[in-house]
Amino acid sequence: MEKILVTGSNGQLGSELKVLSENYSQFEWVFADRNQVSLDNLADLENQLELINPNVVINCAAYTAVDKAESEEEFADIINHLAVGVLADWSHENNAKLIHISTDYVFDGTSSFALNEDSPTKPINVYGATKLLGEIFCLKNNPNAVIIRTSWVYSSFGNNFVKTMSRLMQERDSLNVVNDQIGSPTYAADLAKAIVDIITHSDWKSGIYNFSNEGEISWYEFALAIKEIGDYNCEVSGIPSSAYPTPAKRPAYSLLDKSKIKDSYNVIVPNYKESLKKMMSL
C-alpha cells in the first residue's frame, strides 16, 4: 500500500485532503503537523522523513503570513525555500513522488491576460520571493516533482477571506473591499481533489501547473458574491489598494491559466461561484 505524507496537515488544504482521504482507502495517509514534520528545523527534517518513509509527499506547509514575512524574511525563507530543497532532495533520493504547493505571488501583477506556467516570474514581496526560490530549489533537487501554483485559497477550515467577510457582513452595516486586484479564488476542496487526481493518474508528468477556480474577479466582486450567497444586508464598496496600504505589496493581476493541468491530468476546474456556494452551504 502506498503511503502518502501530507505536511501542513492543519492548514486549509491539509484539512481538505484529510476529508477527501476517507474516499481513498487504497492509500495509507499520514497527516503531519509542524511537530511531526517541522520545516523550520532543517537539521531534523530528513530524519523525520526517514521515519515516515512515504511513497508520495504533498507539501502543503508554508509560511503564508504575507505582511509578516516582510519583517521575518529569514524564517519565511527557511520554510518556503530551504526546507523545500530538503523535501525535494529526499524524495528524489528515495524515489518518492513530490507535489509542492506554490502561489500566484511569484508574479509581479503587471500582466493583462491569464498567466500560464511559462509566464515570467518577478515577485514583489518577500513571501512571493521565498516561494519562487522554493520552486527553483524543488525542481533543481527533484526534476520529477510537480509544483502547483494556486491563488486566493479559502475553505471551511482555518482563517480566510470568505469566513472573514461572512462574519463582518453580519456584524457591520458597511464594508470597503479592494477592487483593483484581479485574479480567481481557489476552494481548497477543489485543489485537494485535483491533487488526488494527479496522484491516481496513470501517467505522472512533472513540472509546474496552475490551479484556481474559473472566473476573473476582484476581491470586491468576490465579496459581492459572498454577500449574495449569504443573503447579507451589509453595504459593500470598492476601494483602490492605495486606500488600504499593507507592509507587503500585492500583485494587481494574477489570474492563472489552467489549460495545462486540465490537458495533462484531466482535472475538472469548477467555476468560483459554484464552489463558493458549496463551501458556504456547509
C-alpha atoms as a PDB file:
ATOM      1  CA  MET A   1       0.000   0.000   0.000  1.00  0.00           C
ATOM      2  CA  GLU A   2       1.389   3.397  -0.999  1.00  0.00           C
ATOM      3  CA  LYS A   3       1.954   5.800   1.873  1.00  0.00           C
ATOM      4  CA  ILE A   4       1.091   9.474   1.329  1.00  0.00           C
ATOM      5  CA  LEU A   5       2.582  12.117   3.612  1.00  0.00           C
ATOM      6  CA  VAL A   6       0.741  15.446   3.848  1.00  0.00           C
ATOM      7  CA  THR A   7       2.730  18.208   5.530  1.00  0.00           C
ATOM      8  CA  GLY A   8       0.972  21.233   6.997  1.00  0.00           C
ATOM      9  CA  SER A   9      -1.971  18.986   7.809  1.00  0.00           C
ATOM     10  CA  ASN A  10      -3.790  21.568   9.956  1.00  0.00           C
ATOM     11  CA  GLY A  11      -3.902  24.218   7.218  1.00  0.00           C
ATOM     12  CA  GLN A  12      -6.796  24.754   4.822  1.00  0.00           C
ATOM     13  CA  LEU A  13      -5.523  22.417   2.101  1.00  0.00           C
ATOM     14  CA  GLY A  14      -4.226  19.792   4.534  1.00  0.00           C
ATOM     15  CA  SER A  15      -7.607  19.762   6.281  1.00  0.00           C
ATOM     16  CA  GLU A  16      -9.467  19.341   2.974  1.00  0.00           C
ATOM     17  CA  LEU A  17      -7.131  16.483   1.978  1.00  0.00           C
ATOM     18  CA  LYS A  18      -7.921  14.840   5.318  1.00  0.00           C
ATOM     19  CA  VAL A  19     -11.659  14.943   4.499  1.00  0.00           C
ATOM     20  CA  LEU A  20     -11.058  13.645   0.963  1.00  0.00           C
ATOM     21  CA  SER A  21      -8.701  10.867   2.103  1.00  0.00           C
ATOM     22  CA  GLU A  22     -11.654   8.952   3.541  1.00  0.00           C
ATOM     23  CA  ASN A  23     -12.681   8.173  -0.057  1.00  0.00           C
ATOM     24  CA  TYR A  24      -9.221   6.864  -0.955  1.00  0.00           C
ATOM     25  CA  SER A  25      -8.583   3.994   1.447  1.00  0.00           C
ATOM     26  CA  GLN A  26      -6.251   2.318  -1.095  1.00  0.00           C
ATOM     27  CA  PHE A  27      -3.569   4.654   0.325  1.00  0.00           C
ATOM     28  CA  GLU A  28      -2.085   4.892   3.793  1.00  0.00           C
ATOM     29  CA  TRP A  29      -2.372   8.579   4.686  1.00  0.00           C
ATOM     30  CA  VAL A  30      -0.042  10.294   7.157  1.00  0.00           C
ATOM     31  CA  PHE A  31      -1.155  13.805   8.130  1.00  0.00           C
ATOM     32  CA  ALA A  32       1.740  15.597   9.773  1.00  0.00           C
ATOM     33  CA  ASP A  33       1.564  18.908  11.582  1.00  0.00           C
ATOM     34  CA  ARG A  34       4.621  21.019  12.398  1.00  0.00           C
ATOM     35  CA  ASN A  35       5.517  18.773  15.350  1.00  0.00           C
ATOM     36  CA  GLN A  36       5.797  15.608  13.249  1.00  0.00           C
ATOM     37  CA  VAL A  37       7.382  17.251  10.201  1.00  0.00           C
ATOM     38  CA  SER A  38       8.911  20.599  11.114  1.00  0.00           C
ATOM     39  CA  LEU A  39      10.017  22.525   8.049  1.00  0.00           C
ATOM     40  CA  ASP A  40      11.648  25.169  10.246  1.00  0.00           C
ATOM     41  CA  ASN A  41      14.105  22.583  11.639  1.00  0.00           C
ATOM     42  CA  LEU A  42      16.266  21.695   8.651  1.00  0.00           C
ATOM     43  CA  ALA A  43      18.663  19.588  10.728  1.00  0.00           C
ATOM     44  CA  ASP A  44      15.899  17.179  11.744  1.00  0.00           C
ATOM     45  CA  LEU A  45      13.714  17.261   8.624  1.00  0.00           C
ATOM     46  CA  GLU A  46      15.477  14.424   6.800  1.00  0.00           C
ATOM     47  CA  ASN A  47      15.264  12.188   9.896  1.00  0.00           C
ATOM     48  CA  GLN A  48      11.532  12.864  10.160  1.00  0.00           C
ATOM     49  CA  LEU A  49      11.068  11.897   6.514  1.00  0.00           C
ATOM     50  CA  GLU A  50      13.126   8.717   7.016  1.00  0.00           C
ATOM     51  CA  LEU A  51      10.914   7.698   9.946  1.00  0.00           C
ATOM     52  CA  ILE A  52       7.701   8.109   7.944  1.00  0.00           C
ATOM     53  CA  ASN A  53       9.251   6.867   4.670  1.00  0.00           C
ATOM     54  CA  PRO A  54       6.401   7.924   2.332  1.00  0.00           C
ATOM     55  CA  ASN A  55       5.927   6.990  -1.349  1.00  0.00           C
ATOM     56  CA  VAL A  56       4.257  10.339  -2.021  1.00  0.00           C
ATOM     57  CA  VAL A  57       4.868  13.704  -0.330  1.00  0.00           C
ATOM     58  CA  ILE A  58       2.286  16.500  -0.631  1.00  0.00           C
ATOM     59  CA  ASN A  59       3.863  19.652   0.764  1.00  0.00           C
ATOM     60  CA  CYS A  60       1.051  21.918   1.967  1.00  0.00           C
ATOM     61  CA  ALA A  61       3.213  23.501   4.670  1.00  0.00           C
ATOM     62  CA  ALA A  62       4.305  27.090   4.076  1.00  0.00           C
ATOM     63  CA  TYR A  63       4.963  30.413   5.729  1.00  0.00           C
ATOM     64  CA  THR A  64       1.897  32.278   4.441  1.00  0.00           C
ATOM     65  CA  ALA A  65       1.714  35.422   6.604  1.00  0.00           C
ATOM     66  CA  VAL A  66       2.355  37.725   3.636  1.00  0.00           C
ATOM     67  CA  ASP A  67       2.725  41.008   5.550  1.00  0.00           C
ATOM     68  CA  LYS A  68       4.639  39.495   8.463  1.00  0.00           C
ATOM     69  CA  ALA A  69       7.118  37.944   6.030  1.00  0.00           C
ATOM     70  CA  GLU A  70       8.418  41.430   5.245  1.00  0.00           C
ATOM     71  CA  SER A  71       9.948  41.548   8.741  1.00  0.00           C
ATOM     72  CA  GLU A  72      10.562  37.776   9.133  1.00  0.00           C
ATOM     73  CA  GLU A  73      12.376  37.151   5.859  1.00  0.00           C
ATOM     74  CA  GLU A  74      14.861  34.636   7.255  1.00  0.00           C
ATOM     75  CA  PHE A  75      12.170  32.478   8.866  1.00  0.00           C
ATOM     76  CA  ALA A  76       9.950  32.615   5.751  1.00  0.00           C
ATOM     77  CA  ASP A  77      12.956  31.627   3.621  1.00  0.00           C
ATOM     78  CA  ILE A  78      13.702  28.550   5.743  1.00  0.00           C
ATOM     79  CA  ILE A  79      10.151  27.191   5.386  1.00  0.00           C
ATOM     80  CA  ASN A  80       9.287  28.323   1.849  1.00  0.00           C
ATOM     81  CA  HIS A  81      12.686  27.798   0.229  1.00  0.00           C
ATOM     82  CA  LEU A  82      15.366  25.832   2.100  1.00  0.00           C
ATOM     83  CA  ALA A  83      13.048  23.171   3.559  1.00  0.00           C
ATOM     84  CA  VAL A  84      11.523  22.575   0.122  1.00  0.00           C
ATOM     85  CA  GLY A  85      15.019  21.762  -1.121  1.00  0.00           C
ATOM     86  CA  VAL A  86      15.349  19.101   1.600  1.00  0.00           C
ATOM     87  CA  LEU A  87      11.930  17.607   0.729  1.00  0.00           C
ATOM     88  CA  ALA A  88      12.852  17.552  -2.955  1.00  0.00           C
ATOM     89  CA  ASP A  89      16.266  16.014  -2.325  1.00  0.00           C
ATOM     90  CA  TRP A  90      14.883  13.315  -0.026  1.00  0.00           C
ATOM     91  CA  SER A  91      12.011  12.424  -2.384  1.00  0.00           C
ATOM     92  CA  HIS A  92      14.409  12.234  -5.341  1.00  0.00           C
ATOM     93  CA  GLU A  93      16.895  10.023  -3.455  1.00  0.00           C
ATOM     94  CA  ASN A  94      14.101   7.725  -2.219  1.00  0.00           C
ATOM     95  CA  ASN A  95      12.142   7.581  -5.485  1.00  0.00           C
ATOM     96  CA  ALA A  96       9.085   9.191  -3.878  1.00  0.00           C
ATOM     97  CA  LYS A  97       6.673  11.439  -5.760  1.00  0.00           C
ATOM     98  CA  LEU A  98       6.565  15.061  -4.604  1.00  0.00           C
ATOM     99  CA  ILE A  99       3.754  17.572  -5.044  1.00  0.00           C
ATOM    100  CA  HIS A 100       4.693  21.032  -3.791  1.00  0.00           C
ATOM    101  CA  ILE A 101       2.172  23.885  -3.452  1.00  0.00           C
ATOM    102  CA  SER A 102       3.209  27.349  -4.621  1.00  0.00           C
ATOM    103  CA  THR A 103       1.496  30.663  -5.280  1.00  0.00           C
ATOM    104  CA  ASP A 104       0.419  33.321  -7.801  1.00  0.00           C
ATOM    105  CA  TYR A 105       2.578  35.734  -5.757  1.00  0.00           C
ATOM    106  CA  VAL A 106       5.597  34.642  -7.822  1.00  0.00           C
ATOM    107  CA  PHE A 107       4.275  37.121 -10.433  1.00  0.00           C
ATOM    108  CA  ASP A 108       4.565  40.921 -10.351  1.00  0.00           C
ATOM    109  CA  GLY A 109       0.925  41.573 -11.296  1.00  0.00           C
ATOM    110  CA  THR A 110       1.590  43.667 -14.409  1.00  0.00           C
ATOM    111  CA  SER A 111       0.060  41.202 -16.891  1.00  0.00           C
ATOM    112  CA  SER A 112      -3.287  41.901 -18.545  1.00  0.00           C
ATOM    113  CA  PHE A 113      -4.048  38.321 -19.591  1.00  0.00           C
ATOM    114  CA  ALA A 114      -4.173  34.968 -17.783  1.00  0.00           C
ATOM    115  CA  LEU A 115      -0.719  33.783 -16.739  1.00  0.00           C
ATOM    116  CA  ASN A 116       0.473  30.365 -17.846  1.00  0.00           C
ATOM    117  CA  GLU A 117       3.249  28.265 -16.322  1.00  0.00           C
ATOM    118  CA  ASP A 118       5.882  29.838 -18.599  1.00  0.00           C
ATOM    119  CA  SER A 119       4.949  33.455 -17.863  1.00  0.00           C
ATOM    120  CA  PRO A 120       7.923  35.412 -16.463  1.00  0.00           C
ATOM    121  CA  THR A 121       8.147  35.463 -12.672  1.00  0.00           C
ATOM    122  CA  LYS A 122       9.078  38.596 -10.713  1.00  0.00           C
ATOM    123  CA  PRO A 123       7.852  38.639  -7.099  1.00  0.00           C
ATOM    124  CA  ILE A 124       7.101  41.999  -5.494  1.00  0.00           C
ATOM    125  CA  ASN A 125       7.134  40.873  -1.849  1.00  0.00           C
ATOM    126  CA  VAL A 126       9.203  38.653   0.457  1.00  0.00           C
ATOM    127  CA  TYR A 127       6.588  35.892   0.584  1.00  0.00           C
ATOM    128  CA  GLY A 128       6.500  35.627  -3.228  1.00  0.00           C
ATOM    129  CA  ALA A 129      10.298  35.758  -3.443  1.00  0.00           C
ATOM    130  CA  THR A 130      10.771  32.916  -0.943  1.00  0.00           C
ATOM    131  CA  LYS A 131       8.098  30.814  -2.680  1.00  0.00           C
ATOM    132  CA  LEU A 132       9.797  31.319  -6.063  1.00  0.00           C
ATOM    133  CA  LEU A 133      13.172  30.291  -4.601  1.00  0.00           C
ATOM    134  CA  GLY A 134      11.387  27.212  -3.229  1.00  0.00           C
ATOM    135  CA  GLU A 135      10.101  26.324  -6.708  1.00  0.00           C
ATOM    136  CA  ILE A 136      13.581  26.684  -8.220  1.00  0.00           C
ATOM    137  CA  PHE A 137      15.222  24.602  -5.462  1.00  0.00           C
ATOM    138  CA  CYS A 138      12.453  21.994  -5.724  1.00  0.00           C
ATOM    139  CA  LEU A 139      12.968  21.329  -9.441  1.00  0.00           C
ATOM    140  CA  LYS A 140      16.772  21.541  -9.126  1.00  0.00           C
ATOM    141  CA  ASN A 141      16.846  18.822  -6.460  1.00  0.00           C
ATOM    142  CA  ASN A 142      13.982  16.795  -7.917  1.00  0.00           C
ATOM    143  CA  PRO A 143      13.232  17.367 -11.634  1.00  0.00           C
ATOM    144  CA  ASN A 144      10.446  14.783 -11.308  1.00  0.00           C
ATOM    145  CA  ALA A 145       8.429  16.920  -8.852  1.00  0.00           C
ATOM    146  CA  VAL A 146       5.039  18.503  -9.539  1.00  0.00           C
ATOM    147  CA  ILE A 147       4.560  22.125  -8.429  1.00  0.00           C
ATOM    148  CA  ILE A 148       1.052  23.592  -8.272  1.00  0.00           C
ATOM    149  CA  ARG A 149       0.663  27.368  -8.194  1.00  0.00           C
ATOM    150  CA  THR A 150      -2.626  28.480  -6.687  1.00  0.00           C
ATOM    151  CA  SER A 151      -4.289  31.714  -5.553  1.00  0.00           C
ATOM    152  CA  TRP A 152      -6.728  33.243  -3.049  1.00  0.00           C
ATOM    153  CA  VAL A 153      -7.266  29.982  -1.145  1.00  0.00           C
ATOM    154  CA  TYR A 154     -10.316  29.593   1.099  1.00  0.00           C
ATOM    155  CA  SER A 155     -12.049  26.721   2.870  1.00  0.00           C
ATOM    156  CA  SER A 156     -14.433  25.941   5.699  1.00  0.00           C
ATOM    157  CA  PHE A 157     -11.239  25.341   7.729  1.00  0.00           C
ATOM    158  CA  GLY A 158      -8.888  27.993   9.101  1.00  0.00           C
ATOM    159  CA  ASN A 159      -8.965  31.753   8.588  1.00  0.00           C
ATOM    160  CA  ASN A 160      -9.633  33.115   5.122  1.00  0.00           C
ATOM    161  CA  PHE A 161     -11.343  35.873   3.152  1.00  0.00           C
ATOM    162  CA  VAL A 162     -14.710  34.113   2.833  1.00  0.00           C
ATOM    163  CA  LYS A 163     -15.041  33.422   6.550  1.00  0.00           C
ATOM    164  CA  THR A 164     -13.854  36.920   7.488  1.00  0.00           C
ATOM    165  CA  MET A 165     -16.261  38.603   5.054  1.00  0.00           C
ATOM    166  CA  SER A 166     -19.182  36.427   6.197  1.00  0.00           C
ATOM    167  CA  ARG A 167     -18.518  37.392   9.802  1.00  0.00           C
ATOM    168  CA  LEU A 168     -18.021  41.112   9.118  1.00  0.00           C
ATOM    169  CA  MET A 169     -21.103  41.318   6.898  1.00  0.00           C
ATOM    170  CA  GLN A 170     -23.188  40.079   9.807  1.00  0.00           C
ATOM    171  CA  GLU A 171     -21.515  42.469  12.270  1.00  0.00           C
ATOM    172  CA  ARG A 172     -21.350  45.697  10.238  1.00  0.00           C
ATOM    173  CA  ASP A 173     -23.576  47.903   8.108  1.00  0.00           C
ATOM    174  CA  SER A 174     -20.878  48.651   5.537  1.00  0.00           C
ATOM    175  CA  LEU A 175     -17.519  47.333   4.314  1.00  0.00           C
ATOM    176  CA  ASN A 176     -14.786  48.554   1.958  1.00  0.00           C
ATOM    177  CA  VAL A 177     -13.032  45.943  -0.190  1.00  0.00           C
ATOM    178  CA  VAL A 178     -10.132  46.355  -2.628  1.00  0.00           C
ATOM    179  CA  ASN A 179     -11.353  46.452  -6.235  1.00  0.00           C
ATOM    180  CA  ASP A 180      -8.128  46.741  -8.251  1.00  0.00           C
ATOM    181  CA  GLN A 181      -6.528  43.341  -7.574  1.00  0.00           C
ATOM    182  CA  ILE A 182      -7.705  40.800 -10.160  1.00  0.00           C
ATOM    183  CA  GLY A 183      -7.457  37.019 -10.030  1.00  0.00           C
ATOM    184  CA  SER A 184      -9.534  33.998  -9.124  1.00  0.00           C
ATOM    185  CA  PRO A 185     -10.216  32.325  -5.788  1.00  0.00           C
ATOM    186  CA  THR A 186      -9.434  28.675  -5.035  1.00  0.00           C
ATOM    187  CA  TYR A 187     -11.704  26.472  -2.951  1.00  0.00           C
ATOM    188  CA  ALA A 188      -9.203  24.249  -1.124  1.00  0.00           C
ATOM    189  CA  ALA A 189     -11.507  21.226  -1.502  1.00  0.00           C
ATOM    190  CA  ASP A 190     -11.262  21.584  -5.305  1.00  0.00           C
ATOM    191  CA  LEU A 191      -7.474  21.836  -5.124  1.00  0.00           C
ATOM    192  CA  ALA A 192      -7.360  18.762  -2.863  1.00  0.00           C
ATOM    193  CA  LYS A 193      -9.370  16.811  -5.470  1.00  0.00           C
ATOM    194  CA  ALA A 194      -7.001  17.995  -8.236  1.00  0.00           C
ATOM    195  CA  ILE A 195      -4.017  16.749  -6.205  1.00  0.00           C
ATOM    196  CA  VAL A 196      -5.583  13.312  -5.721  1.00  0.00           C
ATOM    197  CA  ASP A 197      -6.426  13.215  -9.442  1.00  0.00           C
ATOM    198  CA  ILE A 198      -2.726  13.748 -10.175  1.00  0.00           C
ATOM    199  CA  ILE A 199      -1.624  11.047  -7.718  1.00  0.00           C
ATOM    200  CA  THR A 200      -4.106   8.495  -9.111  1.00  0.00           C
ATOM    201  CA  HIS A 201      -3.442   9.360 -12.784  1.00  0.00           C
ATOM    202  CA  SER A 202      -1.724   6.606 -14.792  1.00  0.00           C
ATOM    203  CA  ASP A 203       0.876   8.972 -16.247  1.00  0.00           C
ATOM    204  CA  TRP A 204       2.983  11.147 -13.920  1.00  0.00           C
ATOM    205  CA  LYS A 205       4.031  14.326 -15.718  1.00  0.00           C
ATOM    206  CA  SER A 206       6.410  16.506 -13.704  1.00  0.00           C
ATOM    207  CA  GLY A 207       6.672  20.286 -13.859  1.00  0.00           C
ATOM    208  CA  ILE A 208       4.762  23.410 -12.861  1.00  0.00           C
ATOM    209  CA  TYR A 209       0.947  23.598 -13.050  1.00  0.00           C
ATOM    210  CA  ASN A 210      -1.622  26.294 -12.262  1.00  0.00           C
ATOM    211  CA  PHE A 211      -4.837  25.668 -10.351  1.00  0.00           C
ATOM    212  CA  SER A 212      -7.559  28.050  -9.214  1.00  0.00           C
ATOM    213  CA  ASN A 213     -11.279  28.134  -9.835  1.00  0.00           C
ATOM    214  CA  GLU A 214     -12.660  29.519 -13.117  1.00  0.00           C
ATOM    215  CA  GLY A 215     -13.611  33.201 -13.265  1.00  0.00           C
ATOM    216  CA  GLU A 216     -11.846  36.560 -13.407  1.00  0.00           C
ATOM    217  CA  ILE A 217     -12.805  38.800 -10.481  1.00  0.00           C
ATOM    218  CA  SER A 218     -11.542  41.381  -7.994  1.00  0.00           C
ATOM    219  CA  TRP A 219     -11.643  40.934  -4.218  1.00  0.00           C
ATOM    220  CA  TYR A 220     -14.566  43.388  -4.268  1.00  0.00           C
ATOM    221  CA  GLU A 221     -16.515  41.201  -6.718  1.00  0.00           C
ATOM    222  CA  PHE A 222     -15.640  38.180  -4.582  1.00  0.00           C
ATOM    223  CA  ALA A 223     -17.089  39.994  -1.564  1.00  0.00           C
ATOM    224  CA  LEU A 224     -20.269  40.792  -3.547  1.00  0.00           C
ATOM    225  CA  ALA A 225     -20.658  37.078  -4.367  1.00  0.00           C
ATOM    226  CA  ILE A 226     -20.279  36.222  -0.662  1.00  0.00           C
ATOM    227  CA  LYS A 227     -22.914  38.856   0.184  1.00  0.00           C
ATOM    228  CA  GLU A 228     -25.310  37.467  -2.417  1.00  0.00           C
ATOM    229  CA  ILE A 229     -24.924  33.799  -1.420  1.00  0.00           C
ATOM    230  CA  GLY A 230     -25.048  34.603   2.305  1.00  0.00           C
ATOM    231  CA  ASP A 231     -28.005  36.967   1.777  1.00  0.00           C
ATOM    232  CA  TYR A 232     -26.331  39.619   3.925  1.00  0.00           C
ATOM    233  CA  ASN A 233     -27.602  43.233   4.147  1.00  0.00           C
ATOM    234  CA  CYS A 234     -24.204  44.873   4.533  1.00  0.00           C
ATOM    235  CA  GLU A 235     -23.293  47.657   2.075  1.00  0.00           C
ATOM    236  CA  VAL A 236     -20.086  46.696   0.201  1.00  0.00           C
ATOM    237  CA  SER A 237     -17.999  49.389  -1.534  1.00  0.00           C
ATOM    238  CA  GLY A 238     -14.959  49.000  -3.784  1.00  0.00           C
ATOM    239  CA  ILE A 239     -11.773  50.908  -2.917  1.00  0.00           C
ATOM    240  CA  PRO A 240      -8.304  51.099  -4.551  1.00  0.00           C
ATOM    241  CA  SER A 241      -5.369  49.251  -2.956  1.00  0.00           C
ATOM    242  CA  SER A 242      -3.778  52.661  -2.287  1.00  0.00           C
ATOM    243  CA  ALA A 243      -6.564  53.355   0.233  1.00  0.00           C
ATOM    244  CA  TYR A 244      -5.615  50.217   2.167  1.00  0.00           C
ATOM    245  CA  PRO A 245      -1.801  50.188   2.456  1.00  0.00           C
ATOM    246  CA  THR A 246      -0.152  46.954   3.660  1.00  0.00           C
ATOM    247  CA  PRO A 247       3.500  46.158   4.514  1.00  0.00           C
ATOM    248  CA  ALA A 248       3.688  43.787   1.506  1.00  0.00           C
ATOM    249  CA  LYS A 249       2.664  44.804  -1.996  1.00  0.00           C
ATOM    250  CA  ARG A 250       0.141  42.534  -3.749  1.00  0.00           C
ATOM    251  CA  PRO A 251       0.103  41.661  -7.462  1.00  0.00           C
ATOM    252  CA  ALA A 252      -2.584  43.749  -9.196  1.00  0.00           C
ATOM    253  CA  TYR A 253      -3.310  40.982 -11.695  1.00  0.00           C
ATOM    254  CA  SER A 254      -2.603  37.287 -11.129  1.00  0.00           C
ATOM    255  CA  LEU A 255      -5.260  35.332 -12.989  1.00  0.00           C
ATOM    256  CA  LEU A 256      -3.958  31.809 -13.688  1.00  0.00           C
ATOM    257  CA  ASP A 257      -4.405  29.910 -16.950  1.00  0.00           C
ATOM    258  CA  LYS A 258      -5.428  26.324 -16.055  1.00  0.00           C
ATOM    259  CA  SER A 259      -5.163  24.742 -19.545  1.00  0.00           C
ATOM    260  CA  LYS A 260      -2.067  22.661 -18.740  1.00  0.00           C
ATOM    261  CA  ILE A 261      -3.442  20.872 -15.652  1.00  0.00           C
ATOM    262  CA  LYS A 262      -6.734  20.188 -17.469  1.00  0.00           C
ATOM    263  CA  ASP A 263      -4.966  18.745 -20.509  1.00  0.00           C
ATOM    264  CA  SER A 264      -2.286  16.782 -18.635  1.00  0.00           C
ATOM    265  CA  TYR A 265      -4.345  15.287 -15.814  1.00  0.00           C
ATOM    266  CA  ASN A 266      -7.987  15.665 -16.914  1.00  0.00           C
ATOM    267  CA  VAL A 267      -8.585  17.852 -13.863  1.00  0.00           C
ATOM    268  CA  ILE A 268     -12.048  19.414 -13.582  1.00  0.00           C
ATOM    269  CA  VAL A 269     -11.923  23.116 -12.669  1.00  0.00           C
ATOM    270  CA  PRO A 270     -15.271  24.349 -11.267  1.00  0.00           C
ATOM    271  CA  ASN A 271     -16.475  27.939 -11.578  1.00  0.00           C
ATOM    272  CA  TYR A 272     -15.652  30.010  -8.486  1.00  0.00           C
ATOM    273  CA  LYS A 273     -19.305  30.744  -7.709  1.00  0.00           C
ATOM    274  CA  GLU A 274     -20.341  27.060  -7.751  1.00  0.00           C
ATOM    275  CA  SER A 275     -17.550  26.257  -5.306  1.00  0.00           C
ATOM    276  CA  LEU A 276     -18.303  29.275  -3.116  1.00  0.00           C
ATOM    277  CA  LYS A 277     -21.953  28.166  -2.828  1.00  0.00           C
ATOM    278  CA  LYS A 278     -20.794  24.658  -1.895  1.00  0.00           C
ATOM    279  CA  MET A 279     -18.453  25.908   0.834  1.00  0.00           C
ATOM    280  CA  MET A 280     -20.970  28.425   2.257  1.00  0.00           C
ATOM    281  CA  SER A 281     -23.699  25.779   2.447  1.00  0.00           C
ATOM    282  CA  LEU A 282     -21.598  23.532   4.720  1.00  0.00           C
END
